[in-house]
Amino acid sequence: MSKSDRTTIKIRAYAGKATGDDAQSNLSAEQNNALELVKRAAQLQEERNKSLEHLKAIGLLQESLRQEQARAAEMEKMVAGLEAQLKELAAQETNVKKVAELEARVKELSEVLSKISGIVTLGKVG
């Protein structure tokens, strides 16, 4: 063997990352992206659920408002009817007072008429 065959050659070790590590880091990044997507999907689903709940609440409130408006309209009709009855009763009360005054006047005039009739009768007799 020659001297050249016995010489060892020194080779520096590779300072960079191994290709297997690159695949793991890429896989890890992909897993992180997938995990982030799953989290966002869960957040979106939660927001959808909240939105649906809010829509249901809005629907219930709208129905409640419609019912309250119907009740208010009914109450307005009742109030209008009661006001009309009140006016009618006030008019009847006025008429009752007029009738009472007329009856008192008729009674008064009847007394005067009977006095006049008594005088006339006395005058014819005497």
C-alpha atoms as a PDB file:
ATOM      1  CA  MET A   1       0.000   0.000   0.000  1.00  0.00           C
ATOM      2  CA  SER A   2       1.171   3.315  -0.830  1.00  0.00           C
ATOM      3  CA  LYS A   3       1.384   6.240   1.414  1.00  0.00           C
ATOM      4  CA  SER A   4      -1.527   7.915  -0.317  1.00  0.00           C
ATOM      5  CA  ASP A   5      -3.746   4.987   0.460  1.00  0.00           C
ATOM      6  CA  ARG A   6      -3.080   5.394   4.127  1.00  0.00           C
ATOM      7  CA  THR A   7      -3.956   9.069   4.292  1.00  0.00           C
ATOM      8  CA  THR A   8      -7.246   9.899   5.896  1.00  0.00           C
ATOM      9  CA  ILE A   9      -9.315  12.724   4.649  1.00  0.00           C
ATOM     10  CA  LYS A  10     -11.168  14.849   7.109  1.00  0.00           C
ATOM     11  CA  ILE A  11     -14.641  16.025   6.027  1.00  0.00           C
ATOM     12  CA  ARG A  12     -16.542  18.609   7.899  1.00  0.00           C
ATOM     13  CA  ALA A  13     -19.928  17.642   9.292  1.00  0.00           C
ATOM     14  CA  TYR A  14     -23.046  19.264   7.727  1.00  0.00           C
ATOM     15  CA  ALA A  15     -23.935  22.279   9.825  1.00  0.00           C
ATOM     16  CA  GLY A  16     -27.489  22.762   8.429  1.00  0.00           C
ATOM     17  CA  LYS A  17     -30.635  20.948   9.396  1.00  0.00           C
ATOM     18  CA  ALA A  18     -31.220  17.472   8.146  1.00  0.00           C
ATOM     19  CA  THR A  19     -33.870  16.953   5.486  1.00  0.00           C
ATOM     20  CA  GLY A  20     -35.920  14.860   7.904  1.00  0.00           C
ATOM     21  CA  ASP A  21     -36.085  17.831  10.296  1.00  0.00           C
ATOM     22  CA  ASP A  22     -37.334  20.066   7.478  1.00  0.00           C
ATOM     23  CA  ALA A  23     -40.166  17.637   6.829  1.00  0.00           C
ATOM     24  CA  GLN A  24     -41.021  17.602  10.523  1.00  0.00           C
ATOM     25  CA  SER A  25     -40.988  21.378  10.765  1.00  0.00           C
ATOM     26  CA  ASN A  26     -43.169  21.624   7.651  1.00  0.00           C
ATOM     27  CA  LEU A  27     -45.497  19.026   9.048  1.00  0.00           C
ATOM     28  CA  SER A  28     -45.615  20.902  12.308  1.00  0.00           C
ATOM     29  CA  ALA A  29     -46.454  24.143  10.468  1.00  0.00           C
ATOM     30  CA  GLU A  30     -49.164  22.307   8.549  1.00  0.00           C
ATOM     31  CA  GLN A  31     -50.488  20.888  11.797  1.00  0.00           C
ATOM     32  CA  ASN A  32     -50.468  24.377  13.306  1.00  0.00           C
ATOM     33  CA  ASN A  33     -52.366  25.701  10.285  1.00  0.00           C
ATOM     34  CA  ALA A  34     -54.867  22.862  10.548  1.00  0.00           C
ATOM     35  CA  LEU A  35     -55.261  23.482  14.271  1.00  0.00           C
ATOM     36  CA  GLU A  36     -55.789  27.197  13.624  1.00  0.00           C
ATOM     37  CA  LEU A  37     -58.410  26.365  10.980  1.00  0.00           C
ATOM     38  CA  VAL A  38     -60.202  24.060  13.391  1.00  0.00           C
ATOM     39  CA  LYS A  39     -60.193  26.782  16.057  1.00  0.00           C
ATOM     40  CA  ARG A  40     -61.555  29.342  13.607  1.00  0.00           C
ATOM     41  CA  ALA A  41     -64.209  26.925  12.394  1.00  0.00           C
ATOM     42  CA  ALA A  42     -65.262  26.347  16.003  1.00  0.00           C
ATOM     43  CA  GLN A  43     -65.401  30.110  16.598  1.00  0.00           C
ATOM     44  CA  LEU A  44     -67.475  30.572  13.454  1.00  0.00           C
ATOM     45  CA  GLN A  45     -69.861  27.837  14.537  1.00  0.00           C
ATOM     46  CA  GLU A  46     -70.182  29.458  17.955  1.00  0.00           C
ATOM     47  CA  GLU A  47     -70.900  32.814  16.335  1.00  0.00           C
ATOM     48  CA  ARG A  48     -73.487  31.177  14.057  1.00  0.00           C
ATOM     49  CA  ASN A  49     -75.158  29.608  17.091  1.00  0.00           C
ATOM     50  CA  LYS A  50     -75.202  32.959  18.887  1.00  0.00           C
ATOM     51  CA  SER A  51     -76.600  34.626  15.780  1.00  0.00           C
ATOM     52  CA  LEU A  52     -79.355  32.021  15.550  1.00  0.00           C
ATOM     53  CA  GLU A  53     -80.193  32.541  19.205  1.00  0.00           C
ATOM     54  CA  HIS A  54     -80.316  36.295  18.653  1.00  0.00           C
ATOM     55  CA  LEU A  55     -82.554  35.828  15.603  1.00  0.00           C
ATOM     56  CA  LYS A  56     -84.906  33.652  17.656  1.00  0.00           C
ATOM     57  CA  ALA A  57     -84.971  36.289  20.395  1.00  0.00           C
ATOM     58  CA  ILE A  58     -85.664  38.990  17.807  1.00  0.00           C
ATOM     59  CA  GLY A  59     -88.516  36.903  16.402  1.00  0.00           C
ATOM     60  CA  LEU A  60     -90.015  36.441  19.859  1.00  0.00           C
ATOM     61  CA  LEU A  61     -89.691  40.155  20.593  1.00  0.00           C
ATOM     62  CA  GLN A  62     -91.332  41.041  17.270  1.00  0.00           C
ATOM     63  CA  GLU A  63     -94.247  38.716  18.022  1.00  0.00           C
ATOM     64  CA  SER A  64     -94.553  40.181  21.505  1.00  0.00           C
ATOM     65  CA  LEU A  65     -94.560  43.677  20.016  1.00  0.00           C
ATOM     66  CA  ARG A  66     -97.320  42.700  17.563  1.00  0.00           C
ATOM     67  CA  GLN A  67     -99.406  41.317  20.427  1.00  0.00           C
ATOM     68  CA  GLU A  68     -98.879  44.447  22.512  1.00  0.00           C
ATOM     69  CA  GLN A  69     -99.828  46.639  19.553  1.00  0.00           C
ATOM     70  CA  ALA A  70    -103.000  44.586  19.047  1.00  0.00           C
ATOM     71  CA  ARG A  71    -103.838  44.947  22.747  1.00  0.00           C
ATOM     72  CA  ALA A  72    -103.175  48.683  22.583  1.00  0.00           C
ATOM     73  CA  ALA A  73    -105.475  49.015  19.552  1.00  0.00           C
ATOM     74  CA  GLU A  74    -108.166  47.042  21.394  1.00  0.00           C
ATOM     75  CA  MET A  75    -107.773  49.263  24.455  1.00  0.00           C
ATOM     76  CA  GLU A  76    -108.060  52.376  22.260  1.00  0.00           C
ATOM     77  CA  LYS A  77    -111.349  51.035  20.876  1.00  0.00           C
ATOM     78  CA  MET A  78    -112.597  50.344  24.399  1.00  0.00           C
ATOM     79  CA  VAL A  79    -111.579  53.834  25.552  1.00  0.00           C
ATOM     80  CA  ALA A  80    -113.331  55.400  22.559  1.00  0.00           C
ATOM     81  CA  GLY A  81    -116.474  53.375  23.348  1.00  0.00           C
ATOM     82  CA  LEU A  82    -116.367  54.382  27.012  1.00  0.00           C
ATOM     83  CA  GLU A  83    -115.887  58.038  26.099  1.00  0.00           C
ATOM     84  CA  ALA A  84    -118.906  57.828  23.798  1.00  0.00           C
ATOM     85  CA  GLN A  85    -120.946  56.267  26.614  1.00  0.00           C
ATOM     86  CA  LEU A  86    -119.766  58.993  28.982  1.00  0.00           C
ATOM     87  CA  LYS A  87    -120.898  61.692  26.556  1.00  0.00           C
ATOM     88  CA  GLU A  88    -124.223  59.936  26.157  1.00  0.00           C
ATOM     89  CA  LEU A  89    -124.663  59.696  29.923  1.00  0.00           C
ATOM     90  CA  ALA A  90    -123.764  63.378  30.307  1.00  0.00           C
ATOM     91  CA  ALA A  91    -126.382  64.241  27.684  1.00  0.00           C
ATOM     92  CA  GLN A  92    -128.924  62.023  29.454  1.00  0.00           C
ATOM     93  CA  GLU A  93    -128.098  63.680  32.769  1.00  0.00           C
ATOM     94  CA  THR A  94    -128.724  67.068  31.194  1.00  0.00           C
ATOM     95  CA  ASN A  95    -132.013  65.786  29.793  1.00  0.00           C
ATOM     96  CA  VAL A  96    -132.989  64.351  33.199  1.00  0.00           C
ATOM     97  CA  LYS A  97    -132.318  67.752  34.783  1.00  0.00           C
ATOM     98  CA  LYS A  98    -134.410  69.461  32.118  1.00  0.00           C
ATOM     99  CA  VAL A  99    -137.217  66.939  32.602  1.00  0.00           C
ATOM    100  CA  ALA A 100    -137.080  67.471  36.390  1.00  0.00           C
ATOM    101  CA  GLU A 101    -137.244  71.251  35.879  1.00  0.00           C
ATOM    102  CA  LEU A 102    -140.158  70.838  33.473  1.00  0.00           C
ATOM    103  CA  GLU A 103    -141.968  68.532  35.900  1.00  0.00           C
ATOM    104  CA  ALA A 104    -141.470  71.059  38.696  1.00  0.00           C
ATOM    105  CA  ARG A 105    -142.781  73.814  36.403  1.00  0.00           C
ATOM    106  CA  VAL A 106    -145.759  71.645  35.384  1.00  0.00           C
ATOM    107  CA  LYS A 107    -146.525  70.961  39.052  1.00  0.00           C
ATOM    108  CA  GLU A 108    -146.258  74.655  39.814  1.00  0.00           C
ATOM    109  CA  LEU A 109    -148.490  75.571  36.890  1.00  0.00           C
ATOM    110  CA  SER A 110    -150.948  72.817  37.839  1.00  0.00           C
ATOM    111  CA  GLU A 111    -151.235  74.319  41.324  1.00  0.00           C
ATOM    112  CA  VAL A 112    -151.786  77.754  39.842  1.00  0.00           C
ATOM    113  CA  LEU A 113    -154.343  76.333  37.416  1.00  0.00           C
ATOM    114  CA  SER A 114    -156.202  74.572  40.190  1.00  0.00           C
ATOM    115  CA  LYS A 115    -156.275  77.848  42.206  1.00  0.00           C
ATOM    116  CA  ILE A 116    -157.588  79.638  39.134  1.00  0.00           C
ATOM    117  CA  SER A 117    -160.190  76.905  38.623  1.00  0.00           C
ATOM    118  CA  GLY A 118    -161.176  77.218  42.305  1.00  0.00           C
ATOM    119  CA  ILE A 119    -161.569  80.983  41.895  1.00  0.00           C
ATOM    120  CA  VAL A 120    -163.573  80.547  38.725  1.00  0.00           C
ATOM    121  CA  THR A 121    -165.791  78.012  40.411  1.00  0.00           C
ATOM    122  CA  LEU A 122    -166.346  80.356  43.360  1.00  0.00           C
ATOM    123  CA  GLY A 123    -167.087  83.191  40.994  1.00  0.00           C
ATOM    124  CA  LYS A 124    -169.761  81.187  39.151  1.00  0.00           C
ATOM    125  CA  VAL A 125    -171.345  80.015  42.331  1.00  0.00           C
ATOM    126  CA  GLY A 126    -171.515  83.387  43.948  1.00  0.00           C
END
